[in-house]
Amino acid sequence: MVNPALQYPIYGPDIQCPHCRQTIPALTLTDTYLCPRHGAFEADPDSKELVHLQSGRHWRQWEGEWYRQHTHPDGIRFEIHEALDRLYTQGYRATRVVIAQRYRELVNAYLERSTPWRGQMDGSTPRLYGLPVTFSPAAENDPRWAVINFNLEKEPGVPVRYPYYRLFE
C-alpha cells in the first residue's frame, strides 16, 4: 500500500496560489500545483521553492505566506513600492525599510546617497523612496530573513483630509 502523503508534492494536496491567493490543487504523482488563472507551479523538494513554470519566478514560504525570491533589483524595488502604497492607504506612514541581507549587492547601486543639507540628518544613511534603509541580520541568526524580502517599519500617519466645502451655512 502506498502512503497517500507520497502522492502529493511537498506542500500537500493544495496550496494558495502565490499570485491570486486562491486555493489550487496538486497534481497527484507529480511535484506540480495548477492554478486555473496563472498556470503550473512546480515544487522543488530540495530547495523548498515553488517555481512558476511560465515565468521562471521562484517563491518560498514562511508562516503560510509566499514570498517571491528576486533576481533583479527592479522586482524588489517594485514590491517595496507596492507595500508603501498599501501602507499609506491604510493610514500609516513608513519610517524605515529593512531589506534582507541577501539582496544587499542587488539593490546597493539603486539606493539614494546624498550629502546632508544644513540641519538635516546624516547623509551617509542610504535611502530608498526617501526612507532610510538598513539590512537584516544574517539568515543564520534569524531564519525568516532567508525567505522574506523586506520589512517596513511604520507609525500611524495623519489621516488624509480631502477638501470639505460647506454649501449651506
C-alpha atoms as a PDB file:
ATOM      1  CA  MET A   1       0.000   0.000   0.000  1.00  0.00           C
ATOM      2  CA  VAL A   2       1.303   3.464  -0.983  1.00  0.00           C
ATOM      3  CA  ASN A   3       1.356   6.205   1.627  1.00  0.00           C
ATOM      4  CA  PRO A   4      -1.183   8.872   0.405  1.00  0.00           C
ATOM      5  CA  ALA A   5       1.155  11.677   1.503  1.00  0.00           C
ATOM      6  CA  LEU A   6       3.715  10.488  -1.046  1.00  0.00           C
ATOM      7  CA  GLN A   7       1.247  11.077  -3.891  1.00  0.00           C
ATOM      8  CA  TYR A   8       1.426  14.870  -3.486  1.00  0.00           C
ATOM      9  CA  PRO A   9       4.194  17.497  -3.748  1.00  0.00           C
ATOM     10  CA  ILE A  10       5.973  18.694  -0.594  1.00  0.00           C
ATOM     11  CA  TYR A  11       3.288  21.245   0.380  1.00  0.00           C
ATOM     12  CA  GLY A  12       0.428  18.729   0.398  1.00  0.00           C
ATOM     13  CA  PRO A  13      -2.765  18.292  -1.630  1.00  0.00           C
ATOM     14  CA  ASP A  14      -3.359  22.044  -2.152  1.00  0.00           C
ATOM     15  CA  ILE A  15      -1.785  25.460  -1.608  1.00  0.00           C
ATOM     16  CA  GLN A  16      -2.695  29.093  -2.105  1.00  0.00           C
ATOM     17  CA  CYS A  17      -1.551  30.461  -5.455  1.00  0.00           C
ATOM     18  CA  PRO A  18       1.283  32.960  -4.792  1.00  0.00           C
ATOM     19  CA  HIS A  19      -0.290  35.385  -7.305  1.00  0.00           C
ATOM     20  CA  CYS A  20      -4.038  35.338  -6.640  1.00  0.00           C
ATOM     21  CA  ARG A  21      -4.177  33.515  -3.274  1.00  0.00           C
ATOM     22  CA  GLN A  22      -6.975  31.163  -4.371  1.00  0.00           C
ATOM     23  CA  THR A  23      -6.633  27.535  -3.288  1.00  0.00           C
ATOM     24  CA  ILE A  24      -5.086  25.455  -6.045  1.00  0.00           C
ATOM     25  CA  PRO A  25      -4.779  21.653  -6.201  1.00  0.00           C
ATOM     26  CA  ALA A  26      -1.717  19.493  -6.536  1.00  0.00           C
ATOM     27  CA  LEU A  27      -1.481  17.121  -9.446  1.00  0.00           C
ATOM     28  CA  THR A  28      -1.090  13.664  -7.932  1.00  0.00           C
ATOM     29  CA  LEU A  29       2.147  11.776  -8.521  1.00  0.00           C
ATOM     30  CA  THR A  30       3.897  14.983  -9.640  1.00  0.00           C
ATOM     31  CA  ASP A  31       5.582  17.944  -7.973  1.00  0.00           C
ATOM     32  CA  THR A  32       3.143  20.371  -9.600  1.00  0.00           C
ATOM     33  CA  TYR A  33       0.277  22.614  -8.485  1.00  0.00           C
ATOM     34  CA  LEU A  34      -2.075  24.027 -11.099  1.00  0.00           C
ATOM     35  CA  CYS A  35      -3.770  27.428 -10.900  1.00  0.00           C
ATOM     36  CA  PRO A  36      -6.536  27.968 -13.480  1.00  0.00           C
ATOM     37  CA  ARG A  37      -5.520  31.647 -13.799  1.00  0.00           C
ATOM     38  CA  HIS A  38      -1.718  31.502 -13.547  1.00  0.00           C
ATOM     39  CA  GLY A  39      -0.730  28.056 -14.746  1.00  0.00           C
ATOM     40  CA  ALA A  40       1.612  25.468 -13.280  1.00  0.00           C
ATOM     41  CA  PHE A  41       3.884  25.810 -10.248  1.00  0.00           C
ATOM     42  CA  GLU A  42       6.484  23.146  -9.592  1.00  0.00           C
ATOM     43  CA  ALA A  43       7.572  22.408  -6.015  1.00  0.00           C
ATOM     44  CA  ASP A  44      11.263  21.607  -5.642  1.00  0.00           C
ATOM     45  CA  PRO A  45      11.633  19.265  -2.656  1.00  0.00           C
ATOM     46  CA  ASP A  46      15.367  20.017  -2.312  1.00  0.00           C
ATOM     47  CA  SER A  47      15.283  23.833  -2.252  1.00  0.00           C
ATOM     48  CA  LYS A  48      11.708  24.061  -0.862  1.00  0.00           C
ATOM     49  CA  GLU A  49      10.970  26.591  -3.609  1.00  0.00           C
ATOM     50  CA  LEU A  50       7.893  26.883  -5.760  1.00  0.00           C
ATOM     51  CA  VAL A  51       8.738  27.753  -9.367  1.00  0.00           C
ATOM     52  CA  HIS A  52       6.200  29.311 -11.725  1.00  0.00           C
ATOM     53  CA  LEU A  53       6.889  27.340 -14.890  1.00  0.00           C
ATOM     54  CA  GLN A  54       5.706  30.023 -17.312  1.00  0.00           C
ATOM     55  CA  SER A  55       7.798  32.900 -15.914  1.00  0.00           C
ATOM     56  CA  GLY A  56      10.545  31.087 -14.008  1.00  0.00           C
ATOM     57  CA  ARG A  57       9.812  33.110 -10.864  1.00  0.00           C
ATOM     58  CA  HIS A  58      10.751  31.443  -7.590  1.00  0.00           C
ATOM     59  CA  TRP A  59       8.732  31.590  -4.368  1.00  0.00           C
ATOM     60  CA  ARG A  60       9.452  30.424  -0.814  1.00  0.00           C
ATOM     61  CA  GLN A  61       7.037  30.064   2.082  1.00  0.00           C
ATOM     62  CA  TRP A  62       7.281  31.495   5.592  1.00  0.00           C
ATOM     63  CA  GLU A  63       4.466  31.018   8.115  1.00  0.00           C
ATOM     64  CA  GLY A  64       1.890  30.230   5.432  1.00  0.00           C
ATOM     65  CA  GLU A  65       2.747  33.196   3.167  1.00  0.00           C
ATOM     66  CA  TRP A  66       4.550  33.020  -0.170  1.00  0.00           C
ATOM     67  CA  TYR A  67       7.467  35.371  -0.826  1.00  0.00           C
ATOM     68  CA  ARG A  68       8.899  35.873  -4.277  1.00  0.00           C
ATOM     69  CA  GLN A  69      12.660  35.401  -4.468  1.00  0.00           C
ATOM     70  CA  HIS A  70      14.002  38.243  -6.582  1.00  0.00           C
ATOM     71  CA  THR A  71      16.875  38.067  -9.053  1.00  0.00           C
ATOM     72  CA  HIS A  72      16.634  41.621 -10.406  1.00  0.00           C
ATOM     73  CA  PRO A  73      16.659  44.895  -8.431  1.00  0.00           C
ATOM     74  CA  ASP A  74      13.531  46.210 -10.164  1.00  0.00           C
ATOM     75  CA  GLY A  75      11.498  43.294  -8.767  1.00  0.00           C
ATOM     76  CA  ILE A  76      12.253  44.022  -5.127  1.00  0.00           C
ATOM     77  CA  ARG A  77      12.022  47.792  -5.635  1.00  0.00           C
ATOM     78  CA  PHE A  78       8.570  47.372  -7.209  1.00  0.00           C
ATOM     79  CA  GLU A  79       7.450  45.100  -4.345  1.00  0.00           C
ATOM     80  CA  ILE A  80       8.600  47.666  -1.755  1.00  0.00           C
ATOM     81  CA  HIS A  81       6.841  50.453  -3.653  1.00  0.00           C
ATOM     82  CA  GLU A  82       3.563  48.482  -3.700  1.00  0.00           C
ATOM     83  CA  ALA A  83       3.856  47.788   0.042  1.00  0.00           C
ATOM     84  CA  LEU A  84       4.397  51.505   0.711  1.00  0.00           C
ATOM     85  CA  ASP A  85       1.251  52.324  -1.283  1.00  0.00           C
ATOM     86  CA  ARG A  86      -0.789  49.751   0.684  1.00  0.00           C
ATOM     87  CA  LEU A  87       0.569  51.074   3.981  1.00  0.00           C
ATOM     88  CA  TYR A  88      -0.360  54.639   3.052  1.00  0.00           C
ATOM     89  CA  THR A  89      -3.901  53.691   2.045  1.00  0.00           C
ATOM     90  CA  GLN A  90      -4.285  52.016   5.451  1.00  0.00           C
ATOM     91  CA  GLY A  91      -3.446  55.318   7.157  1.00  0.00           C
ATOM     92  CA  TYR A  92       0.166  54.564   8.092  1.00  0.00           C
ATOM     93  CA  ARG A  93       3.472  56.058   7.137  1.00  0.00           C
ATOM     94  CA  ALA A  94       6.698  54.063   6.799  1.00  0.00           C
ATOM     95  CA  THR A  95       9.697  55.280   8.754  1.00  0.00           C
ATOM     96  CA  ARG A  96      12.333  52.778   7.624  1.00  0.00           C
ATOM     97  CA  VAL A  97      12.877  49.870   5.225  1.00  0.00           C
ATOM     98  CA  VAL A  98      14.743  46.775   6.386  1.00  0.00           C
ATOM     99  CA  ILE A  99      15.862  44.711   3.381  1.00  0.00           C
ATOM    100  CA  ALA A 100      17.038  41.098   3.602  1.00  0.00           C
ATOM    101  CA  GLN A 101      20.826  40.873   3.707  1.00  0.00           C
ATOM    102  CA  ARG A 102      20.845  38.552   0.670  1.00  0.00           C
ATOM    103  CA  TYR A 103      19.716  41.489  -1.513  1.00  0.00           C
ATOM    104  CA  ARG A 104      22.463  43.911  -0.416  1.00  0.00           C
ATOM    105  CA  GLU A 105      24.540  43.558  -3.602  1.00  0.00           C
ATOM    106  CA  LEU A 106      21.431  43.527  -5.791  1.00  0.00           C
ATOM    107  CA  VAL A 107      19.963  46.833  -4.546  1.00  0.00           C
ATOM    108  CA  ASN A 108      23.090  48.669  -3.395  1.00  0.00           C
ATOM    109  CA  ALA A 109      23.547  50.588  -6.656  1.00  0.00           C
ATOM    110  CA  TYR A 110      19.912  51.767  -6.546  1.00  0.00           C
ATOM    111  CA  LEU A 111      19.983  53.288  -3.066  1.00  0.00           C
ATOM    112  CA  GLU A 112      19.960  57.062  -2.763  1.00  0.00           C
ATOM    113  CA  ARG A 113      23.004  58.602  -1.135  1.00  0.00           C
ATOM    114  CA  SER A 114      23.373  62.305  -0.687  1.00  0.00           C
ATOM    115  CA  THR A 115      25.209  64.845   1.369  1.00  0.00           C
ATOM    116  CA  PRO A 116      23.157  66.406   4.146  1.00  0.00           C
ATOM    117  CA  TRP A 117      21.896  69.935   3.937  1.00  0.00           C
ATOM    118  CA  ARG A 118      22.144  72.316   6.852  1.00  0.00           C
ATOM    119  CA  GLY A 119      20.464  70.841   9.901  1.00  0.00           C
ATOM    120  CA  GLN A 120      19.363  67.653   8.160  1.00  0.00           C
ATOM    121  CA  MET A 121      20.039  64.058   9.083  1.00  0.00           C
ATOM    122  CA  ASP A 122      23.307  62.307   8.386  1.00  0.00           C
ATOM    123  CA  GLY A 123      23.706  61.842   4.632  1.00  0.00           C
ATOM    124  CA  SER A 124      25.593  58.552   4.976  1.00  0.00           C
ATOM    125  CA  THR A 125      22.398  56.571   5.566  1.00  0.00           C
ATOM    126  CA  PRO A 126      21.272  55.014   2.290  1.00  0.00           C
ATOM    127  CA  ARG A 127      17.679  55.699   1.319  1.00  0.00           C
ATOM    128  CA  LEU A 128      15.043  54.192  -0.924  1.00  0.00           C
ATOM    129  CA  TYR A 129      11.946  56.207  -1.853  1.00  0.00           C
ATOM    130  CA  GLY A 130      13.162  58.772   0.675  1.00  0.00           C
ATOM    131  CA  LEU A 131      13.196  56.282   3.573  1.00  0.00           C
ATOM    132  CA  PRO A 132      16.296  55.165   5.487  1.00  0.00           C
ATOM    133  CA  VAL A 133      17.399  51.638   4.542  1.00  0.00           C
ATOM    134  CA  THR A 134      19.060  49.060   6.758  1.00  0.00           C
ATOM    135  CA  PHE A 135      19.799  45.428   6.064  1.00  0.00           C
ATOM    136  CA  SER A 136      18.585  42.471   8.091  1.00  0.00           C
ATOM    137  CA  PRO A 137      20.718  40.281  10.291  1.00  0.00           C
ATOM    138  CA  ALA A 138      22.186  37.213   8.618  1.00  0.00           C
ATOM    139  CA  ALA A 139      19.727  34.401   7.902  1.00  0.00           C
ATOM    140  CA  GLU A 140      21.732  32.116  10.199  1.00  0.00           C
ATOM    141  CA  ASN A 141      20.810  34.396  13.116  1.00  0.00           C
ATOM    142  CA  ASP A 142      17.172  34.879  12.090  1.00  0.00           C
ATOM    143  CA  PRO A 143      15.877  32.231   9.647  1.00  0.00           C
ATOM    144  CA  ARG A 144      12.910  34.271   8.418  1.00  0.00           C
ATOM    145  CA  TRP A 145      15.338  36.506   6.528  1.00  0.00           C
ATOM    146  CA  ALA A 146      16.259  33.543   4.301  1.00  0.00           C
ATOM    147  CA  VAL A 147      12.690  33.773   2.930  1.00  0.00           C
ATOM    148  CA  ILE A 148      11.126  37.207   3.490  1.00  0.00           C
ATOM    149  CA  ASN A 149      12.404  40.105   1.408  1.00  0.00           C
ATOM    150  CA  PHE A 150      11.906  43.250   3.469  1.00  0.00           C
ATOM    151  CA  ASN A 151      10.045  44.782   6.370  1.00  0.00           C
ATOM    152  CA  LEU A 152       8.580  48.268   6.622  1.00  0.00           C
ATOM    153  CA  GLU A 153       8.726  49.937   9.987  1.00  0.00           C
ATOM    154  CA  LYS A 154       5.724  52.190  10.394  1.00  0.00           C
ATOM    155  CA  GLU A 155       3.970  54.680  12.584  1.00  0.00           C
ATOM    156  CA  PRO A 156       0.381  55.867  12.469  1.00  0.00           C
ATOM    157  CA  GLY A 157       0.035  58.568   9.874  1.00  0.00           C
ATOM    158  CA  VAL A 158      -2.141  61.595   9.727  1.00  0.00           C
ATOM    159  CA  PRO A 159      -5.436  60.703   8.080  1.00  0.00           C
ATOM    160  CA  VAL A 160      -5.800  62.048   4.583  1.00  0.00           C
ATOM    161  CA  ARG A 161      -8.157  65.021   4.536  1.00  0.00           C
ATOM    162  CA  TYR A 162      -9.965  65.900   1.387  1.00  0.00           C
ATOM    163  CA  PRO A 163     -11.258  69.413   0.750  1.00  0.00           C
ATOM    164  CA  TYR A 164     -14.534  69.939   2.500  1.00  0.00           C
ATOM    165  CA  TYR A 165     -16.840  72.695   1.411  1.00  0.00           C
ATOM    166  CA  ARG A 166     -19.932  73.745   3.273  1.00  0.00           C
ATOM    167  CA  LEU A 167     -22.673  74.516   0.853  1.00  0.00           C
ATOM    168  CA  PHE A 168     -25.209  75.608   3.404  1.00  0.00           C
ATOM    169  CA  GLU A 169     -24.376  77.656   6.430  1.00  0.00           C
END
